């Protein structure tokens, strides 16, 4: 069986500037975002509109100004996450 790697990029909500990219087998936005948090990536102003993040470990993430509209954050660990709306 051929397991292809998929690269997912997280970009800013305005301008589309690349914030973080991650490539792995069976990749999802949830896996990519969790990896970004593990690596202390700057996720301010991230475009996460409608992202499926159910059960994601986002502890300590800096998501200030991020677009989380319609994102599924049920059971997500947001302990210590910064989610203030900037600007």
Protein backbone atom coordinates (compact mmCIF):
# COMPACT_ATOMS: atom_id res chain seq x y z
CA UNK A 1 0.00 0.00 0.00
CA UNK A 2 1.33 3.40 -0.98
CA UNK A 3 1.15 5.82 1.97
CA UNK A 4 1.46 9.27 0.50
CA UNK A 5 2.44 12.17 2.67
CA UNK A 6 0.21 15.23 2.66
CA UNK A 7 1.49 18.72 3.35
CA UNK A 8 -0.88 21.11 5.12
CA UNK A 9 -0.14 24.81 5.48
CA UNK A 10 -1.55 27.19 8.07
CA UNK A 11 -1.74 30.73 6.73
CA UNK A 12 -2.85 34.09 8.07
CA UNK A 13 -6.47 35.06 7.64
CA UNK A 14 -5.55 38.22 5.77
CA UNK A 15 -2.85 38.17 3.15
CA UNK A 16 -2.28 34.42 3.29
CA UNK A 17 1.20 34.61 4.82
CA UNK A 18 2.52 31.15 5.67
CA UNK A 19 2.69 30.58 9.44
CA UNK A 20 3.45 26.86 9.58
CA UNK A 21 3.59 23.82 7.29
CA UNK A 22 3.69 20.13 8.20
CA UNK A 23 3.92 17.04 6.02
CA UNK A 24 3.15 13.52 7.21
CA UNK A 25 1.15 10.43 6.27
CA UNK A 26 -2.59 10.64 6.94
CA UNK A 27 -2.23 14.34 7.77
CA UNK A 28 -5.10 16.47 9.04
CA UNK A 29 -5.45 20.11 10.07
CA UNK A 30 -5.70 18.85 13.65
CA UNK A 31 -2.35 17.01 13.41
CA UNK A 32 -0.73 20.00 11.73
CA UNK A 33 -2.02 22.45 14.34
CA UNK A 34 -0.95 20.20 17.23
CA UNK A 35 2.53 19.95 15.70
CA UNK A 36 2.66 23.73 15.32
CA UNK A 37 1.79 24.11 19.02
CA UNK A 38 4.46 21.55 20.00
CA UNK A 39 7.02 23.58 18.04
CA UNK A 40 5.85 26.90 19.52
CA UNK A 41 4.93 28.27 16.08
CA UNK A 42 3.41 31.75 15.89
CA UNK A 43 -0.26 31.11 15.13
CA UNK A 44 -1.50 34.67 15.64
CA UNK A 45 -4.04 35.60 12.96
CA UNK A 46 -4.21 32.01 11.67
CA UNK A 47 -7.03 31.15 9.29
CA UNK A 48 -8.72 28.16 10.99
CA UNK A 49 -12.19 28.88 9.65
CA UNK A 50 -14.31 25.72 9.96
CA UNK A 51 -11.38 23.54 11.04
CA UNK A 52 -12.18 20.17 12.64
CA UNK A 53 -10.17 20.37 15.88
CA UNK A 54 -12.27 18.12 18.10
CA UNK A 55 -10.10 16.83 20.96
CA UNK A 56 -7.00 18.73 19.76
CA UNK A 57 -4.26 19.47 22.29
CA UNK A 58 -3.81 23.23 21.92
CA UNK A 59 -2.53 23.84 25.43
CA UNK A 60 -0.55 27.08 25.54
CA UNK A 61 -1.19 27.98 21.90
CA UNK A 62 -1.10 31.64 20.90
CA UNK A 63 -4.22 31.95 18.74
CA UNK A 64 -4.73 35.68 19.25
CA UNK A 65 -6.64 37.11 16.32
CA UNK A 66 -7.09 33.66 14.74
CA UNK A 67 -10.27 33.02 12.78
CA UNK A 68 -11.92 30.13 14.64
CA UNK A 69 -15.40 30.79 13.29
CA UNK A 70 -17.26 27.49 12.80
CA UNK A 71 -14.21 25.54 14.05
CA UNK A 72 -15.12 22.39 15.98
CA UNK A 73 -13.27 22.77 19.30
CA UNK A 74 -15.31 20.25 21.29
CA UNK A 75 -13.17 18.52 23.92
CA UNK A 76 -10.09 20.48 22.79
CA UNK A 77 -7.48 21.22 25.46
CA UNK A 78 -7.25 25.03 25.46
CA UNK A 79 -5.62 25.36 28.88
CA UNK A 80 -3.41 28.45 28.84
CA UNK A 81 -4.21 29.22 25.20
CA UNK A 82 -4.29 32.88 24.22
CA UNK A 83 -7.42 33.53 22.23
CA UNK A 84 -7.94 37.27 22.64
CA UNK A 85 -9.22 39.09 19.63
CA UNK A 86 -6.49 41.52 18.64
CA UNK A 87 -6.95 44.70 16.73
